[in-house]
PDB file of all heavy atoms in Angstrom:
ATOM      1  N   VAL A   1       0.840  -1.198   0.000  1.00  0.00           N
ATOM      2  CA  VAL A   1       0.000   0.000   0.000  1.00  0.00           C
ATOM      3  C   VAL A   1       0.872   1.243   0.000  1.00  0.00           C
ATOM      4  O   VAL A   1       0.658   2.181  -0.790  1.00  0.00           O
ATOM      5  CB  VAL A   1      -0.948  -0.002   1.222  1.00  0.00           C
ATOM      6  CG1 VAL A   1      -1.633   1.359   1.373  1.00  0.00           C
ATOM      7  CG2 VAL A   1      -1.988  -1.104   1.092  1.00  0.00           C
ATOM      8  N   ASN A   2       1.869   1.263   0.869  1.00  0.00           N
ATOM      9  CA  ASN A   2       2.777   2.416   0.942  1.00  0.00           C
ATOM     10  C   ASN A   2       3.486   2.639  -0.387  1.00  0.00           C
ATOM     11  O   ASN A   2       3.672   3.776  -0.834  1.00  0.00           O
ATOM     12  CB  ASN A   2       3.793   2.200   2.056  1.00  0.00           C
ATOM     13  CG  ASN A   2       4.573   3.458   2.397  1.00  0.00           C
ATOM     14  OD1 ASN A   2       3.997   4.524   2.565  1.00  0.00           O
ATOM     15  ND2 ASN A   2       5.883   3.333   2.497  1.00  0.00           N
ATOM     16  N   ASN A   3       3.846   1.554  -1.048  1.00  0.00           N
ATOM     17  CA  ASN A   3       4.567   1.640  -2.317  1.00  0.00           C
ATOM     18  C   ASN A   3       3.698   2.238  -3.429  1.00  0.00           C
ATOM     19  O   ASN A   3       4.192   3.005  -4.266  1.00  0.00           O
ATOM     20  CB  ASN A   3       5.032   0.247  -2.736  1.00  0.00           C
ATOM     21  CG  ASN A   3       5.797   0.242  -4.042  1.00  0.00           C
ATOM     22  OD1 ASN A   3       6.835   0.886  -4.167  1.00  0.00           O
ATOM     23  ND2 ASN A   3       5.281  -0.476  -5.037  1.00  0.00           N
ATOM     24  N   TYR A   4       2.395   1.901  -3.432  1.00  0.00           N
ATOM     25  CA  TYR A   4       1.518   2.326  -4.527  1.00  0.00           C
ATOM     26  C   TYR A   4       0.717   3.591  -4.228  1.00  0.00           C
ATOM     27  O   TYR A   4      -0.096   4.009  -5.055  1.00  0.00           O
ATOM     28  CB  TYR A   4       0.577   1.187  -4.917  1.00  0.00           C
ATOM     29  CG  TYR A   4       1.277   0.111  -5.716  1.00  0.00           C
ATOM     30  CD1 TYR A   4       1.541  -1.140  -5.151  1.00  0.00           C
ATOM     31  CD2 TYR A   4       1.703   0.348  -7.021  1.00  0.00           C
ATOM     32  CE1 TYR A   4       2.187  -2.129  -5.872  1.00  0.00           C
ATOM     33  CE2 TYR A   4       2.351  -0.638  -7.748  1.00  0.00           C
ATOM     34  CZ  TYR A   4       2.596  -1.871  -7.173  1.00  0.00           C
ATOM     35  OH  TYR A   4       3.245  -2.848  -7.887  1.00  0.00           O
ATOM     36  N   LEU A   5       0.934   4.194  -3.064  1.00  0.00           N
ATOM     37  CA  LEU A   5       0.281   5.468  -2.777  1.00  0.00           C
ATOM     38  C   LEU A   5       1.088   6.631  -3.337  1.00  0.00           C
ATOM     39  O   LEU A   5       2.323   6.611  -3.336  1.00  0.00           O
ATOM     40  CB  LEU A   5       0.134   5.656  -1.259  1.00  0.00           C
ATOM     41  CG  LEU A   5      -1.056   4.986  -0.583  1.00  0.00           C
ATOM     42  CD1 LEU A   5      -0.939   5.119   0.938  1.00  0.00           C
ATOM     43  CD2 LEU A   5      -2.376   5.580  -1.059  1.00  0.00           C
ATOM     44  N   ASP A   6       0.370   7.651  -3.807  1.00  0.00           N
ATOM     45  CA  ASP A   6       1.035   8.910  -4.148  1.00  0.00           C
ATOM     46  C   ASP A   6       1.758   9.451  -2.919  1.00  0.00           C
ATOM     47  O   ASP A   6       1.429   9.076  -1.786  1.00  0.00           O
ATOM     48  CB  ASP A   6      -0.009   9.957  -4.585  1.00  0.00           C
ATOM     49  CG  ASP A   6      -0.563   9.693  -5.972  1.00  0.00           C
ATOM     50  OD1 ASP A   6      -0.014   8.838  -6.686  1.00  0.00           O
ATOM     51  OD2 ASP A   6      -1.576  10.335  -6.326  1.00  0.00           O
ATOM     52  N   PRO A   7       2.727  10.352  -3.110  1.00  0.00           N
ATOM     53  CA  PRO A   7       3.340  11.008  -1.949  1.00  0.00           C
ATOM     54  C   PRO A   7       2.271  11.608  -1.038  1.00  0.00           C
ATOM     55  O   PRO A   7       1.389  12.336  -1.490  1.00  0.00           O
ATOM     56  CB  PRO A   7       4.208  12.091  -2.583  1.00  0.00           C
ATOM     57  CG  PRO A   7       4.564  11.535  -3.922  1.00  0.00           C
ATOM     58  CD  PRO A   7       3.338  10.792  -4.383  1.00  0.00           C
ATOM     59  N   GLU A   8       2.328  11.226   0.229  1.00  0.00           N
ATOM     60  CA  GLU A   8       1.371  11.656   1.243  1.00  0.00           C
ATOM     61  C   GLU A   8      -0.062  11.207   0.944  1.00  0.00           C
ATOM     62  O   GLU A   8      -1.031  11.790   1.431  1.00  0.00           O
ATOM     63  CB  GLU A   8       1.427  13.173   1.454  1.00  0.00           C
ATOM     64  CG  GLU A   8       2.788  13.651   1.925  1.00  0.00           C
ATOM     65  CD  GLU A   8       2.796  15.113   2.307  1.00  0.00           C
ATOM     66  OE1 GLU A   8       1.767  15.786   2.147  1.00  0.00           O
ATOM     67  OE2 GLU A   8       3.838  15.580   2.786  1.00  0.00           O
ATOM     68  N   GLY A   9      -0.182  10.135   0.153  1.00  0.00           N
ATOM     69  CA  GLY A   9      -1.503   9.554  -0.101  1.00  0.00           C
ATOM     70  C   GLY A   9      -2.078   8.944   1.163  1.00  0.00           C
ATOM     71  O   GLY A   9      -1.379   8.671   2.142  1.00  0.00           O
ATOM     72  N   ILE A  10      -3.394   8.695   1.131  1.00  0.00           N
ATOM     73  CA  ILE A  10      -4.130   8.268   2.321  1.00  0.00           C
ATOM     74  C   ILE A  10      -4.569   6.804   2.206  1.00  0.00           C
ATOM     75  O   ILE A  10      -5.008   6.352   1.143  1.00  0.00           O
ATOM     76  CB  ILE A  10      -5.359   9.167   2.536  1.00  0.00           C
ATOM     77  CG1 ILE A  10      -4.918  10.599   2.810  1.00  0.00           C
ATOM     78  CG2 ILE A  10      -6.214   8.662   3.701  1.00  0.00           C
ATOM     79  CD1 ILE A  10      -4.055  10.770   4.037  1.00  0.00           C
ATOM     80  N   PHE A  11      -4.461   6.095   3.306  1.00  0.00           N
ATOM     81  CA  PHE A  11      -4.916   4.706   3.414  1.00  0.00           C
ATOM     82  C   PHE A  11      -5.933   4.645   4.550  1.00  0.00           C
ATOM     83  O   PHE A  11      -5.632   4.986   5.691  1.00  0.00           O
ATOM     84  CB  PHE A  11      -3.720   3.806   3.715  1.00  0.00           C
ATOM     85  CG  PHE A  11      -4.032   2.340   3.884  1.00  0.00           C
ATOM     86  CD1 PHE A  11      -5.080   1.727   3.215  1.00  0.00           C
ATOM     87  CD2 PHE A  11      -3.227   1.547   4.709  1.00  0.00           C
ATOM     88  CE1 PHE A  11      -5.353   0.379   3.360  1.00  0.00           C
ATOM     89  CE2 PHE A  11      -3.485   0.187   4.860  1.00  0.00           C
ATOM     90  CZ  PHE A  11      -4.542  -0.393   4.196  1.00  0.00           C
ATOM     91  N   VAL A  12      -7.169   4.214   4.218  1.00  0.00           N
ATOM     92  CA  VAL A  12      -8.212   4.064   5.227  1.00  0.00           C
ATOM     93  C   VAL A  12      -8.722   2.624   5.179  1.00  0.00           C
ATOM     94  O   VAL A  12      -9.081   2.121   4.118  1.00  0.00           O
ATOM     95  CB  VAL A  12      -9.388   5.041   4.988  1.00  0.00           C
ATOM     96  CG1 VAL A  12     -10.407   4.914   6.132  1.00  0.00           C
ATOM     97  CG2 VAL A  12      -8.899   6.478   4.882  1.00  0.00           C
ATOM     98  N   PHE A  13      -8.748   1.992   6.329  1.00  0.00           N
ATOM     99  CA  PHE A  13      -9.182   0.601   6.391  1.00  0.00           C
ATOM    100  C   PHE A  13      -9.869   0.339   7.721  1.00  0.00           C
ATOM    101  O   PHE A  13      -9.804   1.140   8.654  1.00  0.00           O
ATOM    102  CB  PHE A  13      -7.988  -0.346   6.216  1.00  0.00           C
ATOM    103  CG  PHE A  13      -6.917  -0.203   7.271  1.00  0.00           C
ATOM    104  CD1 PHE A  13      -6.915  -1.004   8.411  1.00  0.00           C
ATOM    105  CD2 PHE A  13      -5.904   0.741   7.128  1.00  0.00           C
ATOM    106  CE1 PHE A  13      -5.933  -0.862   9.379  1.00  0.00           C
ATOM    107  CE2 PHE A  13      -4.911   0.878   8.087  1.00  0.00           C
ATOM    108  CZ  PHE A  13      -4.930   0.080   9.225  1.00  0.00           C
ATOM    109  N   ASP A  14     -10.546  -0.803   7.789  1.00  0.00           N
ATOM    110  CA  ASP A  14     -11.131  -1.215   9.059  1.00  0.00           C
ATOM    111  C   ASP A  14     -10.702  -2.643   9.372  1.00  0.00           C
ATOM    112  O   ASP A  14     -10.142  -3.350   8.528  1.00  0.00           O
ATOM    113  CB  ASP A  14     -12.661  -1.077   9.034  1.00  0.00           C
ATOM    114  CG  ASP A  14     -13.367  -2.131   8.175  1.00  0.00           C
ATOM    115  OD1 ASP A  14     -12.671  -2.945   7.521  1.00  0.00           O
ATOM    116  OD2 ASP A  14     -14.601  -2.138   8.136  1.00  0.00           O
ATOM    117  N   PHE A  15     -10.953  -3.053  10.603  1.00  0.00           N
ATOM    118  CA  PHE A  15     -10.680  -4.432  10.994  1.00  0.00           C
ATOM    119  C   PHE A  15     -11.566  -4.797  12.179  1.00  0.00           C
ATOM    120  O   PHE A  15     -11.936  -3.947  12.991  1.00  0.00           O
ATOM    121  CB  PHE A  15      -9.202  -4.638  11.342  1.00  0.00           C
ATOM    122  CG  PHE A  15      -8.722  -3.853  12.536  1.00  0.00           C
ATOM    123  CD1 PHE A  15      -8.688  -4.427  13.806  1.00  0.00           C
ATOM    124  CD2 PHE A  15      -8.289  -2.545  12.389  1.00  0.00           C
ATOM    125  CE1 PHE A  15      -8.242  -3.698  14.900  1.00  0.00           C
ATOM    126  CE2 PHE A  15      -7.823  -1.813  13.481  1.00  0.00           C
ATOM    127  CZ  PHE A  15      -7.815  -2.389  14.749  1.00  0.00           C
ATOM    128  N   ASN A  16     -11.930  -6.075  12.226  1.00  0.00           N
ATOM    129  CA  ASN A  16     -12.627  -6.605  13.392  1.00  0.00           C
ATOM    130  C   ASN A  16     -11.606  -6.834  14.498  1.00  0.00           C
ATOM    131  O   ASN A  16     -10.515  -7.367  14.254  1.00  0.00           O
ATOM    132  CB  ASN A  16     -13.321  -7.922  13.061  1.00  0.00           C
ATOM    133  CG  ASN A  16     -14.597  -7.722  12.283  1.00  0.00           C
ATOM    134  OD1 ASN A  16     -15.226  -6.675  12.352  1.00  0.00           O
ATOM    135  ND2 ASN A  16     -14.996  -8.740  11.535  1.00  0.00           N
ATOM    136  N   THR A  17     -11.959  -6.452  15.700  1.00  0.00           N
ATOM    137  CA  THR A  17     -11.020  -6.546  16.813  1.00  0.00           C
ATOM    138  C   THR A  17     -11.031  -7.940  17.448  1.00  0.00           C
ATOM    139  O   THR A  17     -11.978  -8.716  17.290  1.00  0.00           O
ATOM    140  CB  THR A  17     -11.370  -5.523  17.889  1.00  0.00           C
ATOM    141  OG1 THR A  17     -12.685  -5.826  18.410  1.00  0.00           O
ATOM    142  CG2 THR A  17     -11.359  -4.107  17.332  1.00  0.00           C
ATOM    143  N   THR A  18      -9.969  -8.208  18.191  1.00  0.00           N
ATOM    144  CA  THR A  18      -9.907  -9.436  18.977  1.00  0.00           C
ATOM    145  C   THR A  18     -11.087  -9.507  19.934  1.00  0.00           C
ATOM    146  O   THR A  18     -11.671 -10.580  20.140  1.00  0.00           O
ATOM    147  CB  THR A  18      -8.585  -9.488  19.763  1.00  0.00           C
ATOM    148  OG1 THR A  18      -7.496  -9.429  18.843  1.00  0.00           O
ATOM    149  CG2 THR A  18      -8.482 -10.765  20.584  1.00  0.00           C
ATOM    150  N   TYR A  19     -11.472  -8.370  20.487  1.00  0.00           N
ATOM    151  CA  TYR A  19     -12.609  -8.317  21.409  1.00  0.00           C
ATOM    152  C   TYR A  19     -13.881  -8.851  20.733  1.00  0.00           C
ATOM    153  O   TYR A  19     -14.641  -9.615  21.337  1.00  0.00           O
ATOM    154  CB  TYR A  19     -12.839  -6.878  21.878  1.00  0.00           C
ATOM    155  CG  TYR A  19     -14.106  -6.697  22.686  1.00  0.00           C
ATOM    156  CD1 TYR A  19     -14.125  -6.943  24.052  1.00  0.00           C
ATOM    157  CD2 TYR A  19     -15.298  -6.294  22.071  1.00  0.00           C
ATOM    158  CE1 TYR A  19     -15.288  -6.802  24.794  1.00  0.00           C
ATOM    159  CE2 TYR A  19     -16.467  -6.148  22.803  1.00  0.00           C
ATOM    160  CZ  TYR A  19     -16.460  -6.407  24.160  1.00  0.00           C
ATOM    161  OH  TYR A  19     -17.617  -6.266  24.881  1.00  0.00           O
ATOM    162  N   LYS A  20     -14.116  -8.464  19.500  1.00  0.00           N
ATOM    163  CA  LYS A  20     -15.332  -8.904  18.803  1.00  0.00           C
ATOM    164  C   LYS A  20     -15.365 -10.416  18.643  1.00  0.00           C
ATOM    165  O   LYS A  20     -16.378 -11.065  18.925  1.00  0.00           O
ATOM    166  CB  LYS A  20     -15.435  -8.229  17.438  1.00  0.00           C
ATOM    167  CG  LYS A  20     -16.651  -8.681  16.629  1.00  0.00           C
ATOM    168  CD  LYS A  20     -16.779  -7.937  15.320  1.00  0.00           C
ATOM    169  CE  LYS A  20     -18.019  -8.381  14.555  1.00  0.00           C
ATOM    170  NZ  LYS A  20     -18.182  -7.622  13.289  1.00  0.00           N
ATOM    171  N   TYR A  21     -14.244 -10.983  18.175  1.00  0.00           N
ATOM    172  CA  TYR A  21     -14.218 -12.424  17.955  1.00  0.00           C
ATOM    173  C   TYR A  21     -14.345 -13.190  19.264  1.00  0.00           C
ATOM    174  O   TYR A  21     -15.039 -14.209  19.336  1.00  0.00           O
ATOM    175  CB  TYR A  21     -12.933 -12.827  17.235  1.00  0.00           C
ATOM    176  CG  TYR A  21     -12.876 -12.386  15.795  1.00  0.00           C
ATOM    177  CD1 TYR A  21     -11.850 -11.557  15.343  1.00  0.00           C
ATOM    178  CD2 TYR A  21     -13.834 -12.788  14.878  1.00  0.00           C
ATOM    179  CE1 TYR A  21     -11.790 -11.140  14.024  1.00  0.00           C
ATOM    180  CE2 TYR A  21     -13.778 -12.386  13.548  1.00  0.00           C
ATOM    181  CZ  TYR A  21     -12.756 -11.557  13.132  1.00  0.00           C
ATOM    182  OH  TYR A  21     -12.701 -11.150  11.822  1.00  0.00           O
ATOM    183  N   LYS A  22     -13.689 -12.700  20.296  1.00  0.00           N
ATOM    184  CA  LYS A  22     -13.664 -13.426  21.573  1.00  0.00           C
ATOM    185  C   LYS A  22     -14.940 -13.237  22.374  1.00  0.00           C
ATOM    186  O   LYS A  22     -15.520 -14.207  22.873  1.00  0.00           O
ATOM    187  CB  LYS A  22     -12.461 -12.962  22.396  1.00  0.00           C
ATOM    188  CG  LYS A  22     -12.316 -13.672  23.740  1.00  0.00           C
ATOM    189  CD  LYS A  22     -11.075 -13.188  24.474  1.00  0.00           C
ATOM    190  CE  LYS A  22     -10.933 -13.882  25.824  1.00  0.00           C
ATOM    191  NZ  LYS A  22      -9.720 -13.408  26.565  1.00  0.00           N
ATOM    192  N   GLU A  23     -15.395 -11.992  22.514  1.00  0.00           N
ATOM    193  CA  GLU A  23     -16.488 -11.685  23.437  1.00  0.00           C
ATOM    194  C   GLU A  23     -17.861 -11.584  22.782  1.00  0.00           C
ATOM    195  O   GLU A  23     -18.878 -11.780  23.443  1.00  0.00           O
ATOM    196  CB  GLU A  23     -16.187 -10.367  24.169  1.00  0.00           C
ATOM    197  CG  GLU A  23     -14.861 -10.352  24.917  1.00  0.00           C
ATOM    198  CD  GLU A  23     -14.820 -11.333  26.079  1.00  0.00           C
ATOM    199  OE1 GLU A  23     -15.909 -11.780  26.526  1.00  0.00           O
ATOM    200  OE2 GLU A  23     -13.717 -11.669  26.534  1.00  0.00           O
ATOM    201  N   VAL A  24     -17.913 -11.247  21.498  1.00  0.00           N
ATOM    202  CA  VAL A  24     -19.207 -11.014  20.850  1.00  0.00           C
ATOM    203  C   VAL A  24     -19.645 -12.217  20.010  1.00  0.00           C
ATOM    204  O   VAL A  24     -20.775 -12.702  20.146  1.00  0.00           O
ATOM    205  CB  VAL A  24     -19.158  -9.744  19.972  1.00  0.00           C
ATOM    206  CG1 VAL A  24     -20.512  -9.506  19.301  1.00  0.00           C
ATOM    207  CG2 VAL A  24     -18.764  -8.534  20.815  1.00  0.00           C
ATOM    208  N   ILE A  25     -18.753 -12.689  19.142  1.00  0.00           N
ATOM    209  CA  ILE A  25     -19.124 -13.821  18.283  1.00  0.00           C
ATOM    210  C   ILE A  25     -18.843 -15.147  18.990  1.00  0.00           C
ATOM    211  O   ILE A  25     -19.720 -15.972  19.175  1.00  0.00           O
ATOM    212  CB  ILE A  25     -18.380 -13.766  16.931  1.00  0.00           C
ATOM    213  CG1 ILE A  25     -18.642 -12.438  16.221  1.00  0.00           C
ATOM    214  CG2 ILE A  25     -18.826 -14.923  16.043  1.00  0.00           C
ATOM    215  CD1 ILE A  25     -17.902 -12.275  14.924  1.00  0.00           C
ATOM    216  N   GLY A  26     -17.574 -15.338  19.375  1.00  0.00           N
ATOM    217  CA  GLY A  26     -17.190 -16.539  20.111  1.00  0.00           C
ATOM    218  C   GLY A  26     -17.575 -17.819  19.410  1.00  0.00           C
ATOM    219  O   GLY A  26     -17.520 -17.924  18.182  1.00  0.00           O
ATOM    220  N   ASP A  27     -17.961 -18.815  20.197  1.00  0.00           N
ATOM    221  CA  ASP A  27     -18.466 -20.075  19.651  1.00  0.00           C
ATOM    222  C   ASP A  27     -19.982 -19.955  19.579  1.00  0.00           C
ATOM    223  O   ASP A  27     -20.678 -20.027  20.597  1.00  0.00           O
ATOM    224  CB  ASP A  27     -18.063 -21.252  20.542  1.00  0.00           C
ATOM    225  CG  ASP A  27     -16.558 -21.489  20.531  1.00  0.00           C
ATOM    226  OD1 ASP A  27     -15.892 -21.015  19.590  1.00  0.00           O
ATOM    227  OD2 ASP A  27     -16.054 -22.129  21.469  1.00  0.00           O
ATOM    228  N   SER A  28     -20.488 -19.762  18.383  1.00  0.00           N
ATOM    229  CA  SER A  28     -21.916 -19.522  18.235  1.00  0.00           C
ATOM    230  C   SER A  28     -22.394 -20.028  16.878  1.00  0.00           C
ATOM    231  O   SER A  28     -21.594 -20.337  15.996  1.00  0.00           O
ATOM    232  CB  SER A  28     -22.234 -18.025  18.369  1.00  0.00           C
ATOM    233  OG  SER A  28     -21.571 -17.284  17.358  1.00  0.00           O
ATOM    234  N   VAL A  29     -23.696 -20.076  16.739  1.00  0.00           N
ATOM    235  CA  VAL A  29     -24.313 -20.459  15.473  1.00  0.00           C
ATOM    236  C   VAL A  29     -25.291 -19.353  15.073  1.00  0.00           C
ATOM    237  O   VAL A  29     -26.114 -18.922  15.871  1.00  0.00           O
ATOM    238  CB  VAL A  29     -25.067 -21.800  15.579  1.00  0.00           C
ATOM    239  CG1 VAL A  29     -25.753 -22.130  14.250  1.00  0.00           C
ATOM    240  CG2 VAL A  29     -24.123 -22.917  15.988  1.00  0.00           C
ATOM    241  N   ILE A  30     -25.147 -18.887  13.839  1.00  0.00           N
ATOM    242  CA  ILE A  30     -26.016 -17.844  13.304  1.00  0.00           C
ATOM    243  C   ILE A  30     -26.721 -18.409  12.079  1.00  0.00           C
ATOM    244  O   ILE A  30     -26.081 -19.060  11.241  1.00  0.00           O
ATOM    245  CB  ILE A  30     -25.200 -16.594  12.908  1.00  0.00           C
ATOM    246  CG1 ILE A  30     -24.393 -16.083  14.099  1.00  0.00           C
ATOM    247  CG2 ILE A  30     -26.116 -15.496  12.363  1.00  0.00           C
ATOM    248  CD1 ILE A  30     -23.337 -15.048  13.722  1.00  0.00           C
ATOM    249  N   ALA A  31     -27.999 -18.170  11.970  1.00  0.00           N
ATOM    250  CA  ALA A  31     -28.757 -18.668  10.810  1.00  0.00           C
ATOM    251  C   ALA A  31     -29.693 -17.586  10.316  1.00  0.00           C
ATOM    252  O   ALA A  31     -30.186 -16.763  11.087  1.00  0.00           O
ATOM    253  CB  ALA A  31     -29.536 -19.921  11.180  1.00  0.00           C
ATOM    254  N   GLU A  32     -29.895 -17.576   9.009  1.00  0.00           N
ATOM    255  CA  GLU A  32     -30.817 -16.611   8.418  1.00  0.00           C
ATOM    256  C   GLU A  32     -31.507 -17.253   7.233  1.00  0.00           C
ATOM    257  O   GLU A  32     -30.869 -17.942   6.429  1.00  0.00           O
ATOM    258  CB  GLU A  32     -30.080 -15.345   7.994  1.00  0.00           C
ATOM    259  CG  GLU A  32     -31.021 -14.232   7.552  1.00  0.00           C
ATOM    260  CD  GLU A  32     -30.306 -12.894   7.391  1.00  0.00           C
ATOM    261  OE1 GLU A  32     -29.201 -12.737   7.948  1.00  0.00           O
ATOM    262  OE2 GLU A  32     -30.855 -12.031   6.678  1.00  0.00           O
ATOM    263  N   ASN A  33     -32.789 -17.018   7.132  1.00  0.00           N
ATOM    264  CA  ASN A  33     -33.585 -17.631   6.062  1.00  0.00           C
ATOM    265  C   ASN A  33     -34.250 -16.546   5.225  1.00  0.00           C
ATOM    266  O   ASN A  33     -34.912 -15.666   5.755  1.00  0.00           O
ATOM    267  CB  ASN A  33     -34.646 -18.558   6.673  1.00  0.00           C
ATOM    268  CG  ASN A  33     -35.410 -19.320   5.613  1.00  0.00           C
ATOM    269  OD1 ASN A  33     -34.840 -19.738   4.613  1.00  0.00           O
ATOM    270  ND2 ASN A  33     -36.705 -19.494   5.826  1.00  0.00           N
ATOM    271  N   ARG A  34     -34.035 -16.594   3.924  1.00  0.00           N
ATOM    272  CA  ARG A  34     -34.707 -15.690   2.983  1.00  0.00           C
ATOM    273  C   ARG A  34     -35.542 -16.535   2.023  1.00  0.00           C
ATOM    274  O   ARG A  34     -35.448 -17.764   1.996  1.00  0.00           O
ATOM    275  CB  ARG A  34     -33.677 -14.878   2.203  1.00  0.00           C
ATOM    276  CG  ARG A  34     -32.743 -14.020   3.071  1.00  0.00           C
ATOM    277  CD  ARG A  34     -33.446 -12.844   3.700  1.00  0.00           C
ATOM    278  NE  ARG A  34     -32.529 -12.025   4.487  1.00  0.00           N
ATOM    279  CZ  ARG A  34     -31.925 -10.924   4.036  1.00  0.00           C
ATOM    280  NH1 ARG A  34     -32.148 -10.524   2.789  1.00  0.00           N
ATOM    281  NH2 ARG A  34     -31.120 -10.230   4.811  1.00  0.00           N
ATOM    282  N   GLU A  35     -36.318 -15.873   1.192  1.00  0.00           N
ATOM    283  CA  GLU A  35     -37.220 -16.605   0.302  1.00  0.00           C
ATOM    284  C   GLU A  35     -36.466 -17.485  -0.690  1.00  0.00           C
ATOM    285  O   GLU A  35     -36.880 -18.615  -0.966  1.00  0.00           O
ATOM    286  CB  GLU A  35     -38.106 -15.615  -0.456  1.00  0.00           C
ATOM    287  CG  GLU A  35     -39.151 -16.292  -1.332  1.00  0.00           C
ATOM    288  CD  GLU A  35     -40.086 -15.292  -1.998  1.00  0.00           C
ATOM    289  OE1 GLU A  35     -40.095 -14.107  -1.582  1.00  0.00           O
ATOM    290  OE2 GLU A  35     -40.784 -15.692  -2.927  1.00  0.00           O
ATOM    291  N   GLU A  36     -35.369 -16.961  -1.244  1.00  0.00           N
ATOM    292  CA  GLU A  36     -34.651 -17.701  -2.284  1.00  0.00           C
ATOM    293  C   GLU A  36     -33.378 -18.370  -1.776  1.00  0.00           C
ATOM    294  O   GLU A  36     -32.730 -19.108  -2.519  1.00  0.00           O
ATOM    295  CB  GLU A  36     -34.284 -16.750  -3.436  1.00  0.00           C
ATOM    296  CG  GLU A  36     -35.483 -16.107  -4.122  1.00  0.00           C
ATOM    297  CD  GLU A  36     -36.371 -17.139  -4.815  1.00  0.00           C
ATOM    298  OE1 GLU A  36     -35.833 -18.132  -5.342  1.00  0.00           O
ATOM    299  OE2 GLU A  36     -37.596 -16.950  -4.816  1.00  0.00           O
ATOM    300  N   SER A  37     -32.991 -18.110  -0.526  1.00  0.00           N
ATOM    301  CA  SER A  37     -31.751 -18.671  -0.014  1.00  0.00           C
ATOM    302  C   SER A  37     -31.725 -18.589   1.506  1.00  0.00           C
ATOM    303  O   SER A  37     -32.486 -17.832   2.115  1.00  0.00           O
ATOM    304  CB  SER A  37     -30.540 -17.913  -0.593  1.00  0.00           C
ATOM    305  OG  SER A  37     -30.650 -16.522  -0.330  1.00  0.00           O
ATOM    306  N   SER A  38     -30.859 -19.372   2.107  1.00  0.00           N
ATOM    307  CA  SER A  38     -30.669 -19.334   3.556  1.00  0.00           C
ATOM    308  C   SER A  38     -29.248 -19.784   3.861  1.00  0.00           C
ATOM    309  O   SER A  38     -28.564 -20.360   3.004  1.00  0.00           O
ATOM    310  CB  SER A  38     -31.680 -20.245   4.255  1.00  0.00           C
ATOM    311  OG  SER A  38     -31.496 -21.592   3.853  1.00  0.00           O
ATOM    312  N   PHE A  39     -28.785 -19.476   5.069  1.00  0.00           N
ATOM    313  CA  PHE A  39     -27.449 -19.922   5.446  1.00  0.00           C
ATOM    314  C   PHE A  39     -27.385 -20.262   6.932  1.00  0.00           C
ATOM    315  O   PHE A  39     -28.174 -19.760   7.742  1.00  0.00           O
ATOM    316  CB  PHE A  39     -26.372 -18.887   5.089  1.00  0.00           C
ATOM    317  CG  PHE A  39     -26.291 -17.702   6.024  1.00  0.00           C
ATOM    318  CD1 PHE A  39     -25.542 -17.777   7.196  1.00  0.00           C
ATOM    319  CD2 PHE A  39     -26.940 -16.520   5.725  1.00  0.00           C
ATOM    320  CE1 PHE A  39     -25.458 -16.694   8.050  1.00  0.00           C
ATOM    321  CE2 PHE A  39     -26.860 -15.430   6.575  1.00  0.00           C
ATOM    322  CZ  PHE A  39     -26.120 -15.518   7.752  1.00  0.00           C
ATOM    323  N   ILE A  40     -26.423 -21.109   7.274  1.00  0.00           N
ATOM    324  CA  ILE A  40     -26.091 -21.426   8.657  1.00  0.00           C
ATOM    325  C   ILE A  40     -24.609 -21.105   8.835  1.00  0.00           C
ATOM    326  O   ILE A  40     -23.766 -21.572   8.067  1.00  0.00           O
ATOM    327  CB  ILE A  40     -26.347 -22.908   8.987  1.00  0.00           C
ATOM    328  CG1 ILE A  40     -27.820 -23.252   8.740  1.00  0.00           C
ATOM    329  CG2 ILE A  40     -25.962 -23.215  10.433  1.00  0.00           C
ATOM    330  CD1 ILE A  40     -28.100 -24.744   8.829  1.00  0.00           C
TER     331      ILE A  40
END
């Protein structure tokens, strides 16, 4: 990224934190059902 940015170009990004994976998602099962598709 640094190599391909213009001089003083800007890099904006996000990331999920360790806190989210450990405390919010953890070991869980999420499911969603729509008319044409669903997932687990």
